[in-house]
């Protein structure tokens, strides 16, 4: 899902293929991983070798998401000030979307 007002999009868990695919990767400058599992060092190094930053904020998907982790992800995304960002979790539809929607709505109302 794309959030053009903040230049962010959500994706399923990133693979090497995704990062090497220009149609998926684009001109990405930042990756925020909100899945419980951190990427292998090989993938983190590939992300960084493409000129992007990498943040891991492990959020478990359950009915009681940790508000402190959500706020941390939101603040990091806001700090990128519209630079192209991929926010992902396992499927790219719940935790990552929550973070992007929160930033998107606050950007449109301020």
PDB file of N, CA and C in Angstrom:
ATOM      1  N   UNK A   1       0.842  -1.171   0.000  1.00  0.00           N
ATOM      2  CA  UNK A   1       0.000   0.000   0.000  1.00  0.00           C
ATOM      3  C   UNK A   1       0.892   1.240   0.000  1.00  0.00           C
ATOM      4  N   UNK A   2       0.531   2.220  -0.808  1.00  0.00           N
ATOM      5  CA  UNK A   2       1.309   3.455  -0.913  1.00  0.00           C
ATOM      6  C   UNK A   2       0.686   4.572  -0.090  1.00  0.00           C
ATOM      7  N   UNK A   3       1.544   5.387   0.489  1.00  0.00           N
ATOM      8  CA  UNK A   3       1.142   6.574   1.232  1.00  0.00           C
ATOM      9  C   UNK A   3       1.902   7.759   0.644  1.00  0.00           C
ATOM     10  N   UNK A   4       1.414   8.289  -0.502  1.00  0.00           N
ATOM     11  CA  UNK A   4       2.174   9.324  -1.217  1.00  0.00           C
ATOM     12  C   UNK A   4       2.404  10.600  -0.417  1.00  0.00           C
ATOM     13  N   UNK A   5       1.508  10.939   0.492  1.00  0.00           N
ATOM     14  CA  UNK A   5       1.667  12.181   1.257  1.00  0.00           C
ATOM     15  C   UNK A   5       2.867  12.142   2.186  1.00  0.00           C
ATOM     16  N   UNK A   6       3.373  10.940   2.496  1.00  0.00           N
ATOM     17  CA  UNK A   6       4.577  10.832   3.332  1.00  0.00           C
ATOM     18  C   UNK A   6       5.691  10.064   2.619  1.00  0.00           C
ATOM     19  N   UNK A   7       5.474   9.723   1.335  1.00  0.00           N
ATOM     20  CA  UNK A   7       6.446   9.009   0.504  1.00  0.00           C
ATOM     21  C   UNK A   7       6.875   7.687   1.136  1.00  0.00           C
ATOM     22  N   UNK A   8       5.890   6.946   1.639  1.00  0.00           N
ATOM     23  CA  UNK A   8       6.160   5.650   2.260  1.00  0.00           C
ATOM     24  C   UNK A   8       5.227   4.611   1.659  1.00  0.00           C
ATOM     25  N   UNK A   9       5.673   3.360   1.735  1.00  0.00           N
ATOM     26  CA  UNK A   9       4.814   2.266   1.298  1.00  0.00           C
ATOM     27  C   UNK A   9       5.058   1.057   2.174  1.00  0.00           C
ATOM     28  N   UNK A  10       4.019   0.255   2.282  1.00  0.00           N
ATOM     29  CA  UNK A  10       4.132  -0.961   3.074  1.00  0.00           C
ATOM     30  C   UNK A  10       4.395  -2.135   2.144  1.00  0.00           C
ATOM     31  N   UNK A  11       5.119  -3.117   2.670  1.00  0.00           N
ATOM     32  CA  UNK A  11       5.486  -4.304   1.898  1.00  0.00           C
ATOM     33  C   UNK A  11       5.488  -5.511   2.826  1.00  0.00           C
ATOM     34  N   UNK A  12       5.350  -6.698   2.227  1.00  0.00           N
ATOM     35  CA  UNK A  12       5.630  -7.903   3.015  1.00  0.00           C
ATOM     36  C   UNK A  12       7.123  -7.960   3.345  1.00  0.00           C
ATOM     37  N   UNK A  13       7.495  -8.880   4.179  1.00  0.00           N
ATOM     38  CA  UNK A  13       8.891  -9.064   4.601  1.00  0.00           C
ATOM     39  C   UNK A  13       9.823  -9.055   3.395  1.00  0.00           C
ATOM     40  N   UNK A  14      10.832  -8.193   3.406  1.00  0.00           N
ATOM     41  CA  UNK A  14      11.713  -8.005   2.256  1.00  0.00           C
ATOM     42  C   UNK A  14      12.676  -9.174   2.058  1.00  0.00           C
ATOM     43  N   UNK A  15      12.819  -9.573   0.820  1.00  0.00           N
ATOM     44  CA  UNK A  15      13.780 -10.608   0.451  1.00  0.00           C
ATOM     45  C   UNK A  15      14.887  -9.982  -0.403  1.00  0.00           C
ATOM     46  N   UNK A  16      15.898 -10.754  -0.679  1.00  0.00           N
ATOM     47  CA  UNK A  16      16.974 -10.271  -1.546  1.00  0.00           C
ATOM     48  C   UNK A  16      16.414  -9.913  -2.918  1.00  0.00           C
ATOM     49  N   UNK A  17      15.501 -10.728  -3.417  1.00  0.00           N
ATOM     50  CA  UNK A  17      14.871 -10.441  -4.722  1.00  0.00           C
ATOM     51  C   UNK A  17      14.171  -9.090  -4.729  1.00  0.00           C
ATOM     52  N   UNK A  18      13.451  -8.802  -3.641  1.00  0.00           N
ATOM     53  CA  UNK A  18      12.738  -7.517  -3.549  1.00  0.00           C
ATOM     54  C   UNK A  18      13.707  -6.350  -3.623  1.00  0.00           C
ATOM     55  N   UNK A  19      14.804  -6.459  -2.894  1.00  0.00           N
ATOM     56  CA  UNK A  19      15.777  -5.370  -2.830  1.00  0.00           C
ATOM     57  C   UNK A  19      16.471  -5.177  -4.175  1.00  0.00           C
ATOM     58  N   UNK A  20      16.693  -6.253  -4.887  1.00  0.00           N
ATOM     59  CA  UNK A  20      17.360  -6.176  -6.190  1.00  0.00           C
ATOM     60  C   UNK A  20      16.411  -5.817  -7.322  1.00  0.00           C
ATOM     61  N   UNK A  21      15.098  -5.805  -7.058  1.00  0.00           N
ATOM     62  CA  UNK A  21      14.098  -5.481  -8.074  1.00  0.00           C
ATOM     63  C   UNK A  21      13.834  -3.977  -8.064  1.00  0.00           C
ATOM     64  N   UNK A  22      14.215  -3.287  -9.140  1.00  0.00           N
ATOM     65  CA  UNK A  22      14.077  -1.821  -9.175  1.00  0.00           C
ATOM     66  C   UNK A  22      12.622  -1.368  -9.083  1.00  0.00           C
ATOM     67  N   UNK A  23      11.678  -2.215  -9.479  1.00  0.00           N
ATOM     68  CA  UNK A  23      10.270  -1.832  -9.412  1.00  0.00           C
ATOM     69  C   UNK A  23       9.750  -1.899  -7.980  1.00  0.00           C
ATOM     70  N   UNK A  24      10.351  -2.729  -7.169  1.00  0.00           N
ATOM     71  CA  UNK A  24       9.971  -2.803  -5.755  1.00  0.00           C
ATOM     72  C   UNK A  24      10.810  -1.833  -4.937  1.00  0.00           C
ATOM     73  N   UNK A  25      12.112  -1.866  -5.132  1.00  0.00           N
ATOM     74  CA  UNK A  25      13.031  -1.054  -4.333  1.00  0.00           C
ATOM     75  C   UNK A  25      12.936   0.417  -4.688  1.00  0.00           C
ATOM     76  N   UNK A  26      12.875   0.736  -5.960  1.00  0.00           N
ATOM     77  CA  UNK A  26      12.797   2.131  -6.401  1.00  0.00           C
ATOM     78  C   UNK A  26      14.007   2.921  -5.958  1.00  0.00           C
ATOM     79  N   UNK A  27      13.768   4.055  -5.355  1.00  0.00           N
ATOM     80  CA  UNK A  27      14.848   4.909  -4.842  1.00  0.00           C
ATOM     81  C   UNK A  27      14.774   4.972  -3.315  1.00  0.00           C
ATOM     82  N   UNK A  28      14.476   3.848  -2.729  1.00  0.00           N
ATOM     83  CA  UNK A  28      14.282   3.752  -1.278  1.00  0.00           C
ATOM     84  C   UNK A  28      15.501   4.271  -0.511  1.00  0.00           C
ATOM     85  N   UNK A  29      15.244   5.094   0.479  1.00  0.00           N
ATOM     86  CA  UNK A  29      16.296   5.652   1.336  1.00  0.00           C
ATOM     87  C   UNK A  29      16.283   5.050   2.742  1.00  0.00           C
ATOM     88  N   UNK A  30      15.137   4.470   3.132  1.00  0.00           N
ATOM     89  CA  UNK A  30      14.991   3.963   4.493  1.00  0.00           C
ATOM     90  C   UNK A  30      14.111   2.719   4.507  1.00  0.00           C
ATOM     91  N   UNK A  31      14.439   1.803   5.406  1.00  0.00           N
ATOM     92  CA  UNK A  31      13.618   0.612   5.642  1.00  0.00           C
ATOM     93  C   UNK A  31      13.348   0.534   7.142  1.00  0.00           C
ATOM     94  N   UNK A  32      12.078   0.395   7.477  1.00  0.00           N
ATOM     95  CA  UNK A  32      11.683   0.172   8.867  1.00  0.00           C
ATOM     96  C   UNK A  32      11.023  -1.210   8.931  1.00  0.00           C
ATOM     97  N   UNK A  33      11.628  -2.101   9.678  1.00  0.00           N
ATOM     98  CA  UNK A  33      11.123  -3.460   9.852  1.00  0.00           C
ATOM     99  C   UNK A  33      10.379  -3.521  11.181  1.00  0.00           C
ATOM    100  N   UNK A  34       9.063  -3.736  11.129  1.00  0.00           N
ATOM    101  CA  UNK A  34       8.273  -3.834  12.359  1.00  0.00           C
ATOM    102  C   UNK A  34       7.798  -5.266  12.596  1.00  0.00           C
ATOM    103  N   UNK A  35       8.515  -6.216  12.039  1.00  0.00           N
ATOM    104  CA  UNK A  35       8.241  -7.641  12.258  1.00  0.00           C
ATOM    105  C   UNK A  35       9.057  -8.097  13.465  1.00  0.00           C
ATOM    106  N   UNK A  36       8.630  -9.189  14.119  1.00  0.00           N
ATOM    107  CA  UNK A  36       9.342  -9.668  15.307  1.00  0.00           C
ATOM    108  C   UNK A  36      10.767 -10.098  14.986  1.00  0.00           C
ATOM    109  N   UNK A  37      10.994 -10.547  13.772  1.00  0.00           N
ATOM    110  CA  UNK A  37      12.296 -11.109  13.398  1.00  0.00           C
ATOM    111  C   UNK A  37      13.108 -10.093  12.604  1.00  0.00           C
ATOM    112  N   UNK A  38      14.352  -9.934  13.023  1.00  0.00           N
ATOM    113  CA  UNK A  38      15.270  -9.061  12.293  1.00  0.00           C
ATOM    114  C   UNK A  38      15.773  -9.815  11.059  1.00  0.00           C
ATOM    115  N   UNK A  39      16.078  -9.070  10.018  1.00  0.00           N
ATOM    116  CA  UNK A  39      16.657  -9.690   8.827  1.00  0.00           C
ATOM    117  C   UNK A  39      18.026 -10.280   9.137  1.00  0.00           C
ATOM    118  N   UNK A  40      18.423 -11.272   8.350  1.00  0.00           N
ATOM    119  CA  UNK A  40      19.783 -11.785   8.422  1.00  0.00           C
ATOM    120  C   UNK A  40      20.741 -10.657   8.072  1.00  0.00           C
ATOM    121  N   UNK A  41      21.951 -10.728   8.600  1.00  0.00           N
ATOM    122  CA  UNK A  41      22.947  -9.682   8.334  1.00  0.00           C
ATOM    123  C   UNK A  41      23.189  -9.490   6.836  1.00  0.00           C
ATOM    124  N   UNK A  42      23.089 -10.560   6.064  1.00  0.00           N
ATOM    125  CA  UNK A  42      23.282 -10.461   4.616  1.00  0.00           C
ATOM    126  C   UNK A  42      22.266  -9.501   3.990  1.00  0.00           C
ATOM    127  N   UNK A  43      21.019  -9.594   4.414  1.00  0.00           N
ATOM    128  CA  UNK A  43      19.969  -8.709   3.889  1.00  0.00           C
ATOM    129  C   UNK A  43      20.163  -7.286   4.403  1.00  0.00           C
ATOM    130  N   UNK A  44      20.478  -7.142   5.687  1.00  0.00           N
ATOM    131  CA  UNK A  44      20.719  -5.798   6.245  1.00  0.00           C
ATOM    132  C   UNK A  44      21.875  -5.136   5.496  1.00  0.00           C
ATOM    133  N   UNK A  45      22.935  -5.870   5.238  1.00  0.00           N
ATOM    134  CA  UNK A  45      24.076  -5.316   4.498  1.00  0.00           C
ATOM    135  C   UNK A  45      23.698  -4.955   3.068  1.00  0.00           C
ATOM    136  N   UNK A  46      22.830  -5.751   2.434  1.00  0.00           N
ATOM    137  CA  UNK A  46      22.370  -5.439   1.078  1.00  0.00           C
ATOM    138  C   UNK A  46      21.550  -4.153   1.077  1.00  0.00           C
ATOM    139  N   UNK A  47      20.676  -4.003   2.073  1.00  0.00           N
ATOM    140  CA  UNK A  47      19.884  -2.773   2.195  1.00  0.00           C
ATOM    141  C   UNK A  47      20.818  -1.568   2.339  1.00  0.00           C
ATOM    142  N   UNK A  48      21.791  -1.685   3.221  1.00  0.00           N
ATOM    143  CA  UNK A  48      22.722  -0.575   3.458  1.00  0.00           C
ATOM    144  C   UNK A  48      23.617  -0.316   2.246  1.00  0.00           C
ATOM    145  N   UNK A  49      23.990  -1.365   1.517  1.00  0.00           N
ATOM    146  CA  UNK A  49      24.835  -1.171   0.328  1.00  0.00           C
ATOM    147  C   UNK A  49      24.076  -0.467  -0.785  1.00  0.00           C
ATOM    148  N   UNK A  50      22.744  -0.476  -0.712  1.00  0.00           N
ATOM    149  CA  UNK A  50      21.914   0.264  -1.661  1.00  0.00           C
ATOM    150  C   UNK A  50      21.674   1.699  -1.193  1.00  0.00           C
ATOM    151  N   UNK A  51      22.364   2.109  -0.132  1.00  0.00           N
ATOM    152  CA  UNK A  51      22.286   3.487   0.343  1.00  0.00           C
ATOM    153  C   UNK A  51      21.127   3.783   1.268  1.00  0.00           C
ATOM    154  N   UNK A  52      20.500   2.749   1.821  1.00  0.00           N
ATOM    155  CA  UNK A  52      19.351   2.969   2.699  1.00  0.00           C
ATOM    156  C   UNK A  52      19.714   2.698   4.158  1.00  0.00           C
ATOM    157  N   UNK A  53      18.999   3.351   5.052  1.00  0.00           N
ATOM    158  CA  UNK A  53      19.140   3.063   6.475  1.00  0.00           C
ATOM    159  C   UNK A  53      18.218   1.903   6.818  1.00  0.00           C
ATOM    160  N   UNK A  54      18.494   1.250   7.941  1.00  0.00           N
ATOM    161  CA  UNK A  54      17.680   0.108   8.372  1.00  0.00           C
ATOM    162  C   UNK A  54      17.373   0.238   9.851  1.00  0.00           C
ATOM    163  N   UNK A  55      16.092   0.189  10.173  1.00  0.00           N
ATOM    164  CA  UNK A  55      15.649   0.215  11.567  1.00  0.00           C
ATOM    165  C   UNK A  55      14.805  -1.020  11.835  1.00  0.00           C
ATOM    166  N   UNK A  56      15.045  -1.660  12.969  1.00  0.00           N
ATOM    167  CA  UNK A  56      14.251  -2.820  13.372  1.00  0.00           C
ATOM    168  C   UNK A  56      13.550  -2.500  14.674  1.00  0.00           C
ATOM    169  N   UNK A  57      12.217  -2.540  14.629  1.00  0.00           N
ATOM    170  CA  UNK A  57      11.398  -2.304  15.802  1.00  0.00           C
ATOM    171  C   UNK A  57      10.480  -3.523  15.939  1.00  0.00           C
ATOM    172  N   UNK A  58      10.881  -4.503  16.740  1.00  0.00           N
ATOM    173  CA  UNK A  58      10.151  -5.768  16.792  1.00  0.00           C
ATOM    174  C   UNK A  58       8.785  -5.662  17.475  1.00  0.00           C
ATOM    175  N   UNK A  59       7.729  -5.755  16.663  1.00  0.00           N
ATOM    176  CA  UNK A  59       6.362  -5.718  17.180  1.00  0.00           C
ATOM    177  C   UNK A  59       5.719  -7.086  16.965  1.00  0.00           C
ATOM    178  N   UNK A  60       5.239  -7.669  18.039  1.00  0.00           N
ATOM    179  CA  UNK A  60       4.493  -8.919  17.920  1.00  0.00           C
ATOM    180  C   UNK A  60       3.082  -8.592  17.456  1.00  0.00           C
ATOM    181  N   UNK A  61       2.572  -9.406  16.542  1.00  0.00           N
ATOM    182  CA  UNK A  61       1.205  -9.159  16.075  1.00  0.00           C
ATOM    183  C   UNK A  61       0.227  -9.874  16.987  1.00  0.00           C
ATOM    184  N   UNK A  62      -0.384  -9.089  17.833  1.00  0.00           N
ATOM    185  CA  UNK A  62      -1.431  -9.604  18.707  1.00  0.00           C
ATOM    186  C   UNK A  62      -2.369  -8.458  19.034  1.00  0.00           C
ATOM    187  N   UNK A  63      -3.362  -8.724  19.826  1.00  0.00           N
ATOM    188  CA  UNK A  63      -4.365  -7.685  20.094  1.00  0.00           C
ATOM    189  C   UNK A  63      -3.842  -6.556  20.977  1.00  0.00           C
ATOM    190  N   UNK A  64      -2.708  -6.764  21.626  1.00  0.00           N
ATOM    191  CA  UNK A  64      -2.147  -5.753  22.519  1.00  0.00           C
ATOM    192  C   UNK A  64      -0.799  -5.262  22.007  1.00  0.00           C
ATOM    193  N   UNK A  65      -0.819  -4.532  20.896  1.00  0.00           N
ATOM    194  CA  UNK A  65       0.432  -3.971  20.374  1.00  0.00           C
ATOM    195  C   UNK A  65       0.997  -2.973  21.372  1.00  0.00           C
ATOM    196  N   UNK A  66       2.286  -2.964  21.516  1.00  0.00           N
ATOM    197  CA  UNK A  66       2.968  -2.066  22.451  1.00  0.00           C
ATOM    198  C   UNK A  66       2.965  -0.639  21.895  1.00  0.00           C
ATOM    199  N   UNK A  67       2.256   0.252  22.562  1.00  0.00           N
ATOM    200  CA  UNK A  67       2.135   1.638  22.097  1.00  0.00           C
ATOM    201  C   UNK A  67       3.494   2.322  22.028  1.00  0.00           C
ATOM    202  N   UNK A  68       4.414   1.958  22.896  1.00  0.00           N
ATOM    203  CA  UNK A  68       5.747   2.572  22.866  1.00  0.00           C
ATOM    204  C   UNK A  68       6.494   2.203  21.589  1.00  0.00           C
ATOM    205  N   UNK A  69       6.345   0.968  21.122  1.00  0.00           N
ATOM    206  CA  UNK A  69       6.985   0.552  19.876  1.00  0.00           C
ATOM    207  C   UNK A  69       6.338   1.239  18.674  1.00  0.00           C
ATOM    208  N   UNK A  70       5.018   1.376  18.716  1.00  0.00           N
ATOM    209  CA  UNK A  70       4.319   2.080  17.637  1.00  0.00           C
ATOM    210  C   UNK A  70       4.817   3.520  17.562  1.00  0.00           C
ATOM    211  N   UNK A  71       4.876   4.187  18.703  1.00  0.00           N
ATOM    212  CA  UNK A  71       5.339   5.585  18.738  1.00  0.00           C
ATOM    213  C   UNK A  71       6.786   5.703  18.261  1.00  0.00           C
ATOM    214  N   UNK A  72       7.616   4.750  18.633  1.00  0.00           N
ATOM    215  CA  UNK A  72       9.015   4.779  18.174  1.00  0.00           C
ATOM    216  C   UNK A  72       9.080   4.691  16.657  1.00  0.00           C
ATOM    217  N   UNK A  73       8.314   3.773  16.055  1.00  0.00           N
ATOM    218  CA  UNK A  73       8.302   3.634  14.592  1.00  0.00           C
ATOM    219  C   UNK A  73       7.748   4.892  13.928  1.00  0.00           C
ATOM    220  N   UNK A  74       6.695   5.446  14.491  1.00  0.00           N
ATOM    221  CA  UNK A  74       6.090   6.666  13.952  1.00  0.00           C
ATOM    222  C   UNK A  74       7.090   7.818  13.991  1.00  0.00           C
ATOM    223  N   UNK A  75       7.780   7.989  15.099  1.00  0.00           N
ATOM    224  CA  UNK A  75       8.759   9.079  15.217  1.00  0.00           C
ATOM    225  C   UNK A  75       9.913   8.913  14.241  1.00  0.00           C
ATOM    226  N   UNK A  76      10.355   7.684  14.040  1.00  0.00           N
ATOM    227  CA  UNK A  76      11.432   7.450  13.069  1.00  0.00           C
ATOM    228  C   UNK A  76      10.939   7.794  11.672  1.00  0.00           C
ATOM    229  N   UNK A  77       9.755   7.321  11.309  1.00  0.00           N
ATOM    230  CA  UNK A  77       9.220   7.625   9.975  1.00  0.00           C
ATOM    231  C   UNK A  77       9.048   9.126   9.776  1.00  0.00           C
ATOM    232  N   UNK A  78       8.546   9.816  10.777  1.00  0.00           N
ATOM    233  CA  UNK A  78       8.418  11.283  10.681  1.00  0.00           C
ATOM    234  C   UNK A  78       9.771  11.955  10.479  1.00  0.00           C
ATOM    235  N   UNK A  79      10.802  11.431  11.124  1.00  0.00           N
ATOM    236  CA  UNK A  79      12.129  12.060  11.035  1.00  0.00           C
ATOM    237  C   UNK A  79      12.713  11.992   9.626  1.00  0.00           C
ATOM    238  N   UNK A  80      12.193  11.100   8.788  1.00  0.00           N
ATOM    239  CA  UNK A  80      12.705  10.972   7.421  1.00  0.00           C
ATOM    240  C   UNK A  80      12.191  12.076   6.505  1.00  0.00           C
ATOM    241  N   UNK A  81      11.228  12.848   6.976  1.00  0.00           N
ATOM    242  CA  UNK A  81      10.733  14.047   6.288  1.00  0.00           C
ATOM    243  C   UNK A  81      10.436  13.821   4.807  1.00  0.00           C
ATOM    244  N   UNK A  82       9.714  12.751   4.508  1.00  0.00           N
ATOM    245  CA  UNK A  82       9.253  12.513   3.148  1.00  0.00           C
ATOM    246  C   UNK A  82      10.225  11.787   2.236  1.00  0.00           C
ATOM    247  N   UNK A  83      11.370  11.362   2.749  1.00  0.00           N
ATOM    248  CA  UNK A  83      12.277  10.566   1.918  1.00  0.00           C
ATOM    249  C   UNK A  83      11.660   9.181   1.726  1.00  0.00           C
ATOM    250  N   UNK A  84      11.862   8.606   0.553  1.00  0.00           N
ATOM    251  CA  UNK A  84      11.214   7.339   0.226  1.00  0.00           C
ATOM    252  C   UNK A  84      11.555   6.245   1.237  1.00  0.00           C
ATOM    253  N   UNK A  85      10.507   5.656   1.805  1.00  0.00           N
ATOM    254  CA  UNK A  85      10.658   4.686   2.878  1.00  0.00           C
ATOM    255  C   UNK A  85       9.773   3.473   2.636  1.00  0.00           C
ATOM    256  N   UNK A  86      10.327   2.292   2.939  1.00  0.00           N
ATOM    257  CA  UNK A  86       9.544   1.062   2.948  1.00  0.00           C
ATOM    258  C   UNK A  86       9.377   0.657   4.409  1.00  0.00           C
ATOM    259  N   UNK A  87       8.120   0.472   4.821  1.00  0.00           N
ATOM    260  CA  UNK A  87       7.820  -0.018   6.160  1.00  0.00           C
ATOM    261  C   UNK A  87       7.232  -1.410   5.962  1.00  0.00           C
ATOM    262  N   UNK A  88       7.805  -2.396   6.619  1.00  0.00           N
ATOM    263  CA  UNK A  88       7.294  -3.744   6.389  1.00  0.00           C
ATOM    264  C   UNK A  88       7.185  -4.551   7.676  1.00  0.00           C
ATOM    265  N   UNK A  89       6.276  -5.502   7.608  1.00  0.00           N
ATOM    266  CA  UNK A  89       6.132  -6.515   8.637  1.00  0.00           C
ATOM    267  C   UNK A  89       6.087  -7.847   7.901  1.00  0.00           C
ATOM    268  N   UNK A  90       5.408  -8.825   8.412  1.00  0.00           N
ATOM    269  CA  UNK A  90       5.394 -10.130   7.759  1.00  0.00           C
ATOM    270  C   UNK A  90       4.634 -10.076   6.432  1.00  0.00           C
ATOM    271  N   UNK A  91       3.410  -9.579   6.461  1.00  0.00           N
ATOM    272  CA  UNK A  91       2.587  -9.525   5.245  1.00  0.00           C
ATOM    273  C   UNK A  91       2.427  -8.116   4.687  1.00  0.00           C
ATOM    274  N   UNK A  92       2.850  -7.114   5.424  1.00  0.00           N
ATOM    275  CA  UNK A  92       2.756  -5.732   4.950  1.00  0.00           C
ATOM    276  C   UNK A  92       1.370  -5.138   5.019  1.00  0.00           C
ATOM    277  N   UNK A  93       0.544  -5.656   5.931  1.00  0.00           N
ATOM    278  CA  UNK A  93      -0.822  -5.147   5.957  1.00  0.00           C
ATOM    279  C   UNK A  93      -1.318  -4.671   7.313  1.00  0.00           C
ATOM    280  N   UNK A  94      -0.736  -5.101   8.406  1.00  0.00           N
ATOM    281  CA  UNK A  94      -1.254  -4.703   9.716  1.00  0.00           C
ATOM    282  C   UNK A  94      -0.333  -3.727  10.442  1.00  0.00           C
ATOM    283  N   UNK A  95       0.754  -4.214  11.001  1.00  0.00           N
ATOM    284  CA  UNK A  95       1.648  -3.346  11.782  1.00  0.00           C
ATOM    285  C   UNK A  95       2.252  -2.245  10.927  1.00  0.00           C
ATOM    286  N   UNK A  96       2.746  -2.586   9.756  1.00  0.00           N
ATOM    287  CA  UNK A  96       3.366  -1.569   8.899  1.00  0.00           C
ATOM    288  C   UNK A  96       2.331  -0.538   8.450  1.00  0.00           C
ATOM    289  N   UNK A  97       1.154  -1.005   8.126  1.00  0.00           N
ATOM    290  CA  UNK A  97       0.101  -0.087   7.699  1.00  0.00           C
ATOM    291  C   UNK A  97      -0.332   0.834   8.836  1.00  0.00           C
ATOM    292  N   UNK A  98      -0.413   0.296  10.046  1.00  0.00           N
ATOM    293  CA  UNK A  98      -0.764   1.112  11.213  1.00  0.00           C
ATOM    294  C   UNK A  98       0.215   2.276  11.367  1.00  0.00           C
ATOM    295  N   UNK A  99       1.506   1.994  11.270  1.00  0.00           N
ATOM    296  CA  UNK A  99       2.528   3.036  11.411  1.00  0.00           C
ATOM    297  C   UNK A  99       2.367   4.085  10.309  1.00  0.00           C
ATOM    298  N   UNK A 100       2.229   3.649   9.068  1.00  0.00           N
ATOM    299  CA  UNK A 100       2.104   4.594   7.947  1.00  0.00           C
ATOM    300  C   UNK A 100       0.815   5.402   8.021  1.00  0.00           C
ATOM    301  N   UNK A 101      -0.274   4.758   8.387  1.00  0.00           N
ATOM    302  CA  UNK A 101      -1.538   5.486   8.470  1.00  0.00           C
ATOM    303  C   UNK A 101      -1.500   6.537   9.571  1.00  0.00           C
ATOM    304  N   UNK A 102      -0.879   6.222  10.676  1.00  0.00           N
ATOM    305  CA  UNK A 102      -0.773   7.189  11.768  1.00  0.00           C
ATOM    306  C   UNK A 102      -0.006   8.428  11.301  1.00  0.00           C
ATOM    307  N   UNK A 103       1.127   8.231  10.645  1.00  0.00           N
ATOM    308  CA  UNK A 103       1.944   9.359  10.167  1.00  0.00           C
ATOM    309  C   UNK A 103       1.211  10.097   9.053  1.00  0.00           C
ATOM    310  N   UNK A 104       0.574   9.359   8.158  1.00  0.00           N
ATOM    311  CA  UNK A 104      -0.141   9.947   7.034  1.00  0.00           C
ATOM    312  C   UNK A 104      -1.286  10.853   7.500  1.00  0.00           C
ATOM    313  N   UNK A 105      -2.093  10.361   8.418  1.00  0.00           N
ATOM    314  CA  UNK A 105      -3.222  11.147   8.929  1.00  0.00           C
ATOM    315  C   UNK A 105      -2.723  12.384   9.657  1.00  0.00           C
ATOM    316  N   UNK A 106      -1.683  12.235  10.466  1.00  0.00           N
ATOM    317  CA  UNK A 106      -1.181  13.403  11.185  1.00  0.00           C
ATOM    318  C   UNK A 106      -0.550  14.414  10.224  1.00  0.00           C
ATOM    319  N   UNK A 107       0.031  13.949   9.125  1.00  0.00           N
ATOM    320  CA  UNK A 107       0.611  14.865   8.129  1.00  0.00           C
ATOM    321  C   UNK A 107      -0.481  15.639   7.397  1.00  0.00           C
ATOM    322  N   UNK A 108      -1.608  14.987   7.134  1.00  0.00           N
ATOM    323  CA  UNK A 108      -2.684  15.642   6.407  1.00  0.00           C
ATOM    324  C   UNK A 108      -3.464  16.617   7.275  1.00  0.00           C
ATOM    325  N   UNK A 109      -3.424  16.426   8.590  1.00  0.00           N
ATOM    326  CA  UNK A 109      -4.194  17.299   9.480  1.00  0.00           C
ATOM    327  C   UNK A 109      -3.372  18.417  10.092  1.00  0.00           C
ATOM    328  N   UNK A 110      -2.056  18.419   9.810  1.00  0.00           N
ATOM    329  CA  UNK A 110      -1.250  19.484  10.423  1.00  0.00           C
ATOM    330  C   UNK A 110      -0.977  20.590   9.437  1.00  0.00           C
TER     331      UNK A 110
END
